[in-house]
Amino acid sequence: MVEEFEFFRKVQLHYCQVRFHVRLSYTIFHKKEKLLLAHGILRCRVEPHSQMVEYRISLESEAASRPYSEKATILFSTVYEEIPQQSVKMTDVPAYQLRYSVPIVYDWQAFIIEGMSTALSKGVLQPVFDKYRFVDKQGKEIDAKLKVAAVMVDWYNESINS
């Protein structure tokens, strides 16, 4: 059995930063996508008042851009707004929450790692990127329809070859 304060302290000490890489794709022309690599850090935080473990991400990607284009057919037309060169940047964005039970008589390390694996899955990260918008030259938000293609996790804070 682990005391709740000890659980809090150990999570903050050992699981405060896990590096990861996300390969994203976005549409540049009709049926033409481009890949983008983002480097990030997953932080794990324990909130003892609500008994929640919160997983938050911060990341920055390579530069992305897209020229203006249109695709017209008989039934409909699609406009792809111009995206000036910029990076996907997120700071301390909530990705996943998990409730822990007290007393902590279970394998808390496996519990935390399982939560981190879930937080860094394509299914959990995709809604985070669905909310992200690029900004055009006039400051208008543009949805580039970012898609999570792959996630690579650096569990031991070593370099990942991409």
N, C-alpha and C. Protein backbone atom coordinates (compact mmCIF):
# COMPACT_ATOMS: atom_id res chain seq x y z
N MET A 1 0.85 -1.19 0.00
CA MET A 1 0.00 0.00 0.00
C MET A 1 0.89 1.24 0.00
N VAL A 2 0.51 2.22 -0.81
CA VAL A 2 1.25 3.47 -0.91
C VAL A 2 0.35 4.59 -0.39
N GLU A 3 0.92 5.44 0.42
CA GLU A 3 0.19 6.62 0.90
C GLU A 3 -0.11 7.54 -0.29
N GLU A 4 -1.20 8.28 -0.21
CA GLU A 4 -1.57 9.16 -1.31
C GLU A 4 -0.51 10.23 -1.56
N PHE A 5 0.07 10.79 -0.50
CA PHE A 5 1.11 11.80 -0.67
C PHE A 5 2.34 11.20 -1.36
N GLU A 6 2.70 9.97 -0.99
CA GLU A 6 3.83 9.29 -1.60
C GLU A 6 3.55 9.03 -3.08
N PHE A 7 2.33 8.65 -3.41
CA PHE A 7 1.90 8.45 -4.79
C PHE A 7 2.06 9.76 -5.58
N PHE A 8 1.56 10.83 -5.03
CA PHE A 8 1.66 12.16 -5.63
C PHE A 8 3.13 12.51 -5.89
N ARG A 9 3.97 12.34 -4.89
CA ARG A 9 5.38 12.69 -4.98
C ARG A 9 6.10 11.84 -6.03
N LYS A 10 5.86 10.54 -6.04
CA LYS A 10 6.55 9.65 -6.98
C LYS A 10 6.11 9.90 -8.42
N VAL A 11 4.84 10.17 -8.63
CA VAL A 11 4.37 10.47 -9.99
C VAL A 11 5.01 11.76 -10.47
N GLN A 12 5.03 12.80 -9.63
CA GLN A 12 5.63 14.07 -10.01
C GLN A 12 7.13 13.91 -10.29
N LEU A 13 7.80 13.07 -9.54
CA LEU A 13 9.23 12.88 -9.68
C LEU A 13 9.60 12.06 -10.91
N HIS A 14 8.92 10.93 -11.12
CA HIS A 14 9.33 9.99 -12.15
C HIS A 14 8.58 10.14 -13.48
N TYR A 15 7.39 10.71 -13.48
CA TYR A 15 6.59 10.76 -14.70
C TYR A 15 6.20 12.18 -15.09
N CYS A 16 7.07 13.13 -14.76
CA CYS A 16 6.72 14.52 -15.04
C CYS A 16 6.94 14.90 -16.51
N GLN A 17 7.84 14.21 -17.22
CA GLN A 17 8.09 14.54 -18.62
C GLN A 17 8.44 13.29 -19.41
N VAL A 18 7.63 12.99 -20.40
CA VAL A 18 7.91 11.90 -21.33
C VAL A 18 7.88 12.51 -22.73
N ARG A 19 8.99 12.37 -23.45
CA ARG A 19 9.05 12.93 -24.80
C ARG A 19 8.35 12.00 -25.80
N PHE A 20 7.76 12.61 -26.81
CA PHE A 20 7.10 11.85 -27.86
C PHE A 20 7.16 12.63 -29.16
N HIS A 21 6.91 11.93 -30.26
CA HIS A 21 6.86 12.55 -31.58
C HIS A 21 5.55 12.12 -32.23
N VAL A 22 4.95 13.06 -32.94
CA VAL A 22 3.69 12.78 -33.63
C VAL A 22 3.90 13.09 -35.11
N ARG A 23 3.55 12.14 -35.96
CA ARG A 23 3.56 12.39 -37.39
C ARG A 23 2.14 12.76 -37.78
N LEU A 24 1.98 13.96 -38.33
CA LEU A 24 0.68 14.49 -38.72
C LEU A 24 0.60 14.58 -40.23
N SER A 25 -0.61 14.57 -40.74
CA SER A 25 -0.81 14.85 -42.16
C SER A 25 -1.86 15.94 -42.28
N TYR A 26 -1.74 16.74 -43.32
CA TYR A 26 -2.74 17.77 -43.59
C TYR A 26 -2.91 17.91 -45.10
N THR A 27 -4.08 18.35 -45.52
CA THR A 27 -4.41 18.46 -46.94
C THR A 27 -3.80 19.72 -47.52
N ILE A 28 -3.07 19.56 -48.64
CA ILE A 28 -2.54 20.75 -49.31
C ILE A 28 -3.26 21.01 -50.63
N PHE A 29 -3.70 19.98 -51.33
CA PHE A 29 -4.50 20.08 -52.54
C PHE A 29 -5.57 19.00 -52.46
N HIS A 30 -6.43 18.96 -53.45
CA HIS A 30 -7.46 17.93 -53.50
C HIS A 30 -6.80 16.54 -53.53
N LYS A 31 -7.11 15.73 -52.54
CA LYS A 31 -6.59 14.37 -52.39
C LYS A 31 -5.07 14.30 -52.32
N LYS A 32 -4.44 15.37 -51.89
CA LYS A 32 -2.98 15.40 -51.74
C LYS A 32 -2.67 15.88 -50.33
N GLU A 33 -1.96 15.02 -49.60
CA GLU A 33 -1.63 15.35 -48.22
C GLU A 33 -0.13 15.46 -48.04
N LYS A 34 0.26 16.19 -47.00
CA LYS A 34 1.67 16.38 -46.69
C LYS A 34 1.89 15.96 -45.24
N LEU A 35 3.05 15.35 -44.97
CA LEU A 35 3.38 14.92 -43.61
C LEU A 35 4.14 16.01 -42.87
N LEU A 36 3.97 15.99 -41.57
CA LEU A 36 4.55 16.99 -40.68
C LEU A 36 4.96 16.28 -39.40
N LEU A 37 6.14 16.57 -38.87
CA LEU A 37 6.59 15.92 -37.65
C LEU A 37 6.57 16.93 -36.50
N ALA A 38 5.98 16.53 -35.39
CA ALA A 38 5.91 17.38 -34.19
C ALA A 38 6.62 16.68 -33.04
N HIS A 39 7.35 17.44 -32.25
CA HIS A 39 8.06 16.93 -31.08
C HIS A 39 7.37 17.49 -29.85
N GLY A 40 7.11 16.61 -28.87
CA GLY A 40 6.38 17.08 -27.71
C GLY A 40 6.80 16.42 -26.41
N ILE A 41 6.20 16.92 -25.35
CA ILE A 41 6.41 16.40 -24.00
C ILE A 41 5.05 16.15 -23.37
N LEU A 42 4.89 14.97 -22.78
CA LEU A 42 3.69 14.63 -22.02
C LEU A 42 4.02 14.82 -20.55
N ARG A 43 3.19 15.57 -19.86
CA ARG A 43 3.37 15.77 -18.42
C ARG A 43 2.22 15.09 -17.69
N CYS A 44 2.56 14.50 -16.58
CA CYS A 44 1.59 13.80 -15.76
C CYS A 44 1.45 14.57 -14.45
N ARG A 45 0.24 14.89 -14.07
CA ARG A 45 0.00 15.68 -12.86
C ARG A 45 -1.08 15.02 -12.04
N VAL A 46 -0.87 14.97 -10.73
CA VAL A 46 -1.86 14.39 -9.83
C VAL A 46 -2.61 15.52 -9.15
N GLU A 47 -3.93 15.43 -9.19
CA GLU A 47 -4.79 16.40 -8.50
C GLU A 47 -5.46 15.66 -7.34
N PRO A 48 -4.87 15.76 -6.12
CA PRO A 48 -5.38 14.97 -4.99
C PRO A 48 -6.79 15.35 -4.55
N HIS A 49 -7.21 16.59 -4.74
CA HIS A 49 -8.55 17.00 -4.30
C HIS A 49 -9.66 16.30 -5.07
N SER A 50 -9.44 16.10 -6.36
CA SER A 50 -10.45 15.42 -7.18
C SER A 50 -10.07 13.97 -7.49
N GLN A 51 -8.92 13.54 -6.99
CA GLN A 51 -8.40 12.19 -7.21
C GLN A 51 -8.29 11.88 -8.70
N MET A 52 -7.71 12.82 -9.43
CA MET A 52 -7.53 12.67 -10.87
C MET A 52 -6.04 12.73 -11.21
N VAL A 53 -5.66 11.93 -12.19
CA VAL A 53 -4.35 12.04 -12.80
C VAL A 53 -4.61 12.70 -14.15
N GLU A 54 -3.94 13.81 -14.38
CA GLU A 54 -4.16 14.56 -15.61
C GLU A 54 -2.91 14.48 -16.49
N TYR A 55 -3.12 14.18 -17.76
CA TYR A 55 -2.04 14.09 -18.72
C TYR A 55 -2.16 15.29 -19.66
N ARG A 56 -1.10 16.10 -19.74
CA ARG A 56 -1.10 17.32 -20.54
C ARG A 56 0.06 17.28 -21.53
N ILE A 57 -0.17 17.82 -22.73
CA ILE A 57 0.88 17.83 -23.74
C ILE A 57 1.29 19.24 -24.13
N SER A 58 2.56 19.35 -24.48
CA SER A 58 3.11 20.56 -25.10
C SER A 58 3.91 20.07 -26.29
N LEU A 59 3.79 20.76 -27.42
CA LEU A 59 4.54 20.32 -28.60
C LEU A 59 4.74 21.46 -29.58
N GLU A 60 5.67 21.23 -30.50
CA GLU A 60 5.91 22.15 -31.61
C GLU A 60 6.29 21.31 -32.82
N SER A 61 5.78 21.69 -33.96
CA SER A 61 6.01 20.92 -35.19
C SER A 61 6.98 21.64 -36.12
N GLU A 62 7.31 20.94 -37.18
CA GLU A 62 8.04 21.56 -38.28
C GLU A 62 7.11 22.60 -38.91
N ALA A 63 7.67 23.45 -39.73
CA ALA A 63 6.86 24.48 -40.39
C ALA A 63 5.94 23.85 -41.44
N ALA A 64 4.73 24.35 -41.51
CA ALA A 64 3.74 23.89 -42.48
C ALA A 64 3.26 25.09 -43.29
N SER A 65 2.91 24.84 -44.54
CA SER A 65 2.34 25.90 -45.37
C SER A 65 1.50 25.24 -46.47
N ARG A 66 0.63 26.05 -47.07
CA ARG A 66 -0.21 25.54 -48.15
C ARG A 66 -0.60 26.71 -49.04
N PRO A 67 -0.48 26.56 -50.36
CA PRO A 67 -0.95 27.62 -51.26
C PRO A 67 -2.47 27.55 -51.41
N TYR A 68 -3.05 28.61 -51.87
CA TYR A 68 -4.49 28.64 -52.14
C TYR A 68 -4.78 27.77 -53.36
N SER A 69 -5.86 26.97 -53.27
CA SER A 69 -6.27 26.17 -54.43
C SER A 69 -7.77 25.89 -54.35
N GLU A 70 -8.33 25.53 -55.49
CA GLU A 70 -9.75 25.17 -55.57
C GLU A 70 -9.88 23.89 -56.36
N LYS A 71 -10.89 23.11 -56.03
CA LYS A 71 -11.22 21.90 -56.79
C LYS A 71 -12.72 21.96 -57.04
N ALA A 72 -13.09 22.06 -58.32
CA ALA A 72 -14.50 22.15 -58.68
C ALA A 72 -14.93 20.93 -59.47
N THR A 73 -16.10 20.44 -59.14
CA THR A 73 -16.72 19.36 -59.91
C THR A 73 -18.13 19.81 -60.27
N ILE A 74 -18.87 18.96 -60.93
CA ILE A 74 -20.24 19.30 -61.32
C ILE A 74 -21.11 19.54 -60.09
N LEU A 75 -20.92 18.73 -59.05
CA LEU A 75 -21.78 18.81 -57.88
C LEU A 75 -21.35 19.82 -56.82
N PHE A 76 -20.05 19.97 -56.62
CA PHE A 76 -19.60 20.88 -55.57
C PHE A 76 -18.19 21.36 -55.84
N SER A 77 -17.77 22.36 -55.10
CA SER A 77 -16.39 22.83 -55.21
C SER A 77 -15.79 22.91 -53.81
N THR A 78 -14.49 22.72 -53.76
CA THR A 78 -13.77 22.76 -52.50
C THR A 78 -12.68 23.81 -52.61
N VAL A 79 -12.60 24.66 -51.59
CA VAL A 79 -11.59 25.71 -51.56
C VAL A 79 -10.61 25.37 -50.43
N TYR A 80 -9.31 25.41 -50.77
CA TYR A 80 -8.27 25.20 -49.78
C TYR A 80 -7.59 26.55 -49.55
N GLU A 81 -7.89 27.15 -48.41
CA GLU A 81 -7.35 28.47 -48.09
C GLU A 81 -5.84 28.40 -47.92
N GLU A 82 -5.17 29.51 -48.24
CA GLU A 82 -3.72 29.58 -48.08
C GLU A 82 -3.35 29.56 -46.60
N ILE A 83 -2.32 28.80 -46.29
CA ILE A 83 -1.77 28.77 -44.93
C ILE A 83 -0.34 29.29 -45.04
N PRO A 84 -0.06 30.48 -44.51
CA PRO A 84 1.33 30.95 -44.52
C PRO A 84 2.19 30.04 -43.63
N GLN A 85 3.49 30.05 -43.88
CA GLN A 85 4.38 29.15 -43.14
C GLN A 85 4.29 29.40 -41.63
N GLN A 86 4.00 28.31 -40.90
CA GLN A 86 3.88 28.37 -39.45
C GLN A 86 3.95 26.96 -38.87
N SER A 87 4.15 26.88 -37.58
CA SER A 87 4.26 25.60 -36.90
C SER A 87 3.02 25.35 -36.06
N VAL A 88 2.74 24.08 -35.82
CA VAL A 88 1.70 23.71 -34.87
C VAL A 88 2.34 23.86 -33.49
N LYS A 89 1.76 24.70 -32.65
CA LYS A 89 2.30 24.91 -31.31
C LYS A 89 1.17 24.73 -30.29
N MET A 90 1.43 23.88 -29.32
CA MET A 90 0.48 23.67 -28.22
C MET A 90 1.27 23.72 -26.92
N THR A 91 0.71 24.39 -25.93
CA THR A 91 1.37 24.50 -24.63
C THR A 91 0.42 24.07 -23.54
N ASP A 92 0.80 23.01 -22.83
CA ASP A 92 0.07 22.54 -21.65
C ASP A 92 -1.42 22.29 -21.93
N VAL A 93 -1.68 21.54 -23.00
CA VAL A 93 -3.06 21.23 -23.42
C VAL A 93 -3.50 19.92 -22.76
N PRO A 94 -4.67 19.90 -22.10
CA PRO A 94 -5.14 18.65 -21.51
C PRO A 94 -5.44 17.62 -22.60
N ALA A 95 -4.92 16.41 -22.41
CA ALA A 95 -5.15 15.34 -23.39
C ALA A 95 -6.02 14.23 -22.82
N TYR A 96 -5.85 13.95 -21.52
CA TYR A 96 -6.53 12.79 -20.94
C TYR A 96 -6.57 12.92 -19.42
N GLN A 97 -7.63 12.40 -18.81
CA GLN A 97 -7.75 12.37 -17.35
C GLN A 97 -8.15 10.98 -16.91
N LEU A 98 -7.66 10.61 -15.74
CA LEU A 98 -7.93 9.29 -15.21
C LEU A 98 -8.14 9.40 -13.70
N ARG A 99 -9.20 8.82 -13.21
CA ARG A 99 -9.47 8.86 -11.78
C ARG A 99 -8.73 7.72 -11.09
N TYR A 100 -8.08 8.03 -9.97
CA TYR A 100 -7.43 6.98 -9.20
C TYR A 100 -8.20 6.76 -7.91
N SER A 101 -8.12 5.54 -7.40
CA SER A 101 -8.86 5.22 -6.19
C SER A 101 -7.92 5.18 -4.99
N VAL A 102 -8.46 5.49 -3.85
CA VAL A 102 -7.73 5.48 -2.58
C VAL A 102 -8.42 4.48 -1.68
N PRO A 103 -7.74 3.65 -0.95
CA PRO A 103 -6.29 3.57 -0.77
C PRO A 103 -5.63 2.96 -1.99
N ILE A 104 -4.36 3.29 -2.19
CA ILE A 104 -3.61 2.83 -3.34
C ILE A 104 -2.95 1.50 -2.99
N VAL A 105 -3.71 0.42 -3.21
CA VAL A 105 -3.25 -0.93 -2.90
C VAL A 105 -2.96 -1.71 -4.19
N TYR A 106 -2.94 -1.00 -5.30
CA TYR A 106 -2.71 -1.62 -6.60
C TYR A 106 -1.36 -1.16 -7.15
N ASP A 107 -0.95 -1.72 -8.29
CA ASP A 107 0.31 -1.35 -8.92
C ASP A 107 0.15 0.03 -9.56
N TRP A 108 0.51 1.06 -8.81
CA TRP A 108 0.29 2.43 -9.25
C TRP A 108 1.16 2.78 -10.46
N GLN A 109 2.36 2.18 -10.59
CA GLN A 109 3.22 2.48 -11.73
C GLN A 109 2.58 1.96 -13.03
N ALA A 110 2.05 0.77 -12.99
CA ALA A 110 1.36 0.23 -14.17
C ALA A 110 0.13 1.09 -14.51
N PHE A 111 -0.56 1.57 -13.48
CA PHE A 111 -1.72 2.44 -13.65
C PHE A 111 -1.33 3.73 -14.39
N ILE A 112 -0.22 4.36 -13.97
CA ILE A 112 0.25 5.61 -14.58
C ILE A 112 0.72 5.37 -16.01
N ILE A 113 1.48 4.31 -16.23
CA ILE A 113 2.00 4.02 -17.57
C ILE A 113 0.87 3.66 -18.53
N GLU A 114 -0.12 2.92 -18.05
CA GLU A 114 -1.28 2.61 -18.88
C GLU A 114 -2.02 3.90 -19.27
N GLY A 115 -2.14 4.82 -18.33
CA GLY A 115 -2.76 6.12 -18.63
C GLY A 115 -1.96 6.92 -19.64
N MET A 116 -0.63 6.87 -19.51
CA MET A 116 0.23 7.58 -20.47
C MET A 116 0.10 6.96 -21.86
N SER A 117 0.06 5.65 -21.93
CA SER A 117 -0.09 4.97 -23.22
C SER A 117 -1.42 5.37 -23.87
N THR A 118 -2.45 5.44 -23.08
CA THR A 118 -3.76 5.85 -23.60
C THR A 118 -3.73 7.31 -24.04
N ALA A 119 -3.10 8.18 -23.23
CA ALA A 119 -3.03 9.61 -23.55
C ALA A 119 -2.27 9.85 -24.86
N LEU A 120 -1.29 8.99 -25.16
CA LEU A 120 -0.49 9.16 -26.37
C LEU A 120 -0.95 8.25 -27.51
N SER A 121 -2.18 7.79 -27.46
CA SER A 121 -2.71 6.98 -28.55
C SER A 121 -3.31 7.89 -29.63
N LYS A 122 -3.41 7.36 -30.84
CA LYS A 122 -3.97 8.14 -31.94
C LYS A 122 -5.41 8.56 -31.64
N GLY A 123 -6.17 7.67 -31.04
CA GLY A 123 -7.58 7.95 -30.75
C GLY A 123 -7.79 9.07 -29.76
N VAL A 124 -6.89 9.23 -28.80
CA VAL A 124 -7.01 10.30 -27.81
C VAL A 124 -6.41 11.60 -28.34
N LEU A 125 -5.31 11.51 -29.10
CA LEU A 125 -4.67 12.73 -29.62
C LEU A 125 -5.44 13.36 -30.77
N GLN A 126 -6.16 12.56 -31.57
CA GLN A 126 -6.86 13.11 -32.73
C GLN A 126 -7.83 14.23 -32.35
N PRO A 127 -8.68 14.07 -31.31
CA PRO A 127 -9.57 15.18 -30.94
C PRO A 127 -8.83 16.45 -30.51
N VAL A 128 -7.63 16.30 -29.95
CA VAL A 128 -6.82 17.47 -29.58
C VAL A 128 -6.42 18.23 -30.85
N PHE A 129 -5.99 17.50 -31.87
CA PHE A 129 -5.59 18.14 -33.12
C PHE A 129 -6.78 18.60 -33.94
N ASP A 130 -7.95 18.00 -33.76
CA ASP A 130 -9.16 18.46 -34.45
C ASP A 130 -9.50 19.89 -34.05
N LYS A 131 -9.16 20.27 -32.85
CA LYS A 131 -9.46 21.62 -32.35
C LYS A 131 -8.44 22.66 -32.81
N TYR A 132 -7.29 22.23 -33.29
CA TYR A 132 -6.21 23.15 -33.66
C TYR A 132 -6.52 23.85 -34.97
N ARG A 133 -6.24 25.14 -35.03
CA ARG A 133 -6.45 25.93 -36.25
C ARG A 133 -5.18 26.70 -36.58
N PHE A 134 -4.84 26.72 -37.87
CA PHE A 134 -3.78 27.60 -38.36
C PHE A 134 -4.37 29.00 -38.51
N VAL A 135 -3.52 29.99 -38.73
CA VAL A 135 -3.98 31.37 -38.88
C VAL A 135 -3.44 31.91 -40.20
N ASP A 136 -4.34 32.56 -41.00
CA ASP A 136 -3.89 33.13 -42.27
C ASP A 136 -3.29 34.52 -42.05
N LYS A 137 -2.93 35.19 -43.14
CA LYS A 137 -2.27 36.50 -43.04
C LYS A 137 -3.16 37.57 -42.42
N GLN A 138 -4.48 37.40 -42.53
CA GLN A 138 -5.42 38.37 -41.95
C GLN A 138 -5.81 38.02 -40.51
N GLY A 139 -5.31 36.92 -40.02
CA GLY A 139 -5.62 36.51 -38.64
C GLY A 139 -6.83 35.60 -38.54
N LYS A 140 -7.38 35.19 -39.69
CA LYS A 140 -8.54 34.30 -39.71
C LYS A 140 -8.08 32.85 -39.49
N GLU A 141 -8.84 32.11 -38.70
CA GLU A 141 -8.49 30.73 -38.41
C GLU A 141 -8.84 29.82 -39.58
N ILE A 142 -7.93 28.86 -39.86
CA ILE A 142 -8.12 27.92 -40.96
C ILE A 142 -7.95 26.51 -40.43
N ASP A 143 -8.90 25.66 -40.75
CA ASP A 143 -8.81 24.25 -40.36
C ASP A 143 -8.09 23.50 -41.48
N ALA A 144 -6.90 23.00 -41.18
CA ALA A 144 -6.13 22.23 -42.18
C ALA A 144 -6.46 20.75 -42.10
N LYS A 145 -7.38 20.40 -41.22
CA LYS A 145 -7.79 19.00 -41.04
C LYS A 145 -6.60 18.10 -40.72
N LEU A 146 -5.89 18.48 -39.65
CA LEU A 146 -4.74 17.69 -39.20
C LEU A 146 -5.18 16.29 -38.81
N LYS A 147 -4.44 15.30 -39.25
CA LYS A 147 -4.72 13.91 -38.91
C LYS A 147 -3.48 13.30 -38.27
N VAL A 148 -3.68 12.56 -37.20
CA VAL A 148 -2.57 11.88 -36.54
C VAL A 148 -2.27 10.62 -37.33
N ALA A 149 -1.07 10.56 -37.91
CA ALA A 149 -0.67 9.39 -38.71
C ALA A 149 0.05 8.37 -37.84
N ALA A 150 0.88 8.85 -36.91
CA ALA A 150 1.65 7.93 -36.05
C ALA A 150 2.11 8.67 -34.81
N VAL A 151 2.30 7.90 -33.73
CA VAL A 151 2.83 8.45 -32.48
C VAL A 151 3.99 7.55 -32.05
N MET A 152 5.12 8.18 -31.75
CA MET A 152 6.29 7.46 -31.26
C MET A 152 6.64 8.00 -29.88
N VAL A 153 6.74 7.12 -28.90
CA VAL A 153 6.96 7.54 -27.52
C VAL A 153 8.38 7.19 -27.11
N ASP A 154 9.04 8.13 -26.44
CA ASP A 154 10.39 7.95 -25.93
C ASP A 154 10.30 7.70 -24.42
N TRP A 155 9.95 6.47 -24.04
CA TRP A 155 9.71 6.14 -22.63
C TRP A 155 10.92 6.39 -21.75
N TYR A 156 12.11 6.22 -22.30
CA TYR A 156 13.32 6.33 -21.47
C TYR A 156 14.11 7.61 -21.76
N ASN A 157 13.44 8.60 -22.40
CA ASN A 157 14.04 9.88 -22.75
C ASN A 157 15.35 9.72 -23.52
N GLU A 158 15.29 8.83 -24.50
CA GLU A 158 16.39 8.66 -25.43
C GLU A 158 15.96 9.30 -26.75
N SER A 159 16.85 9.39 -27.67
CA SER A 159 16.51 9.98 -28.96
C SER A 159 15.74 8.97 -29.81
N ILE A 160 14.69 9.44 -30.45
CA ILE A 160 13.89 8.58 -31.36
C ILE A 160 14.31 8.92 -32.78
N ASN A 161 14.66 7.91 -33.55
CA ASN A 161 14.97 8.13 -34.96
C ASN A 161 13.67 8.10 -35.74
N SER A 162 13.40 9.19 -36.46
CA SER A 162 12.15 9.23 -37.21
C SER A 162 12.35 9.09 -38.68
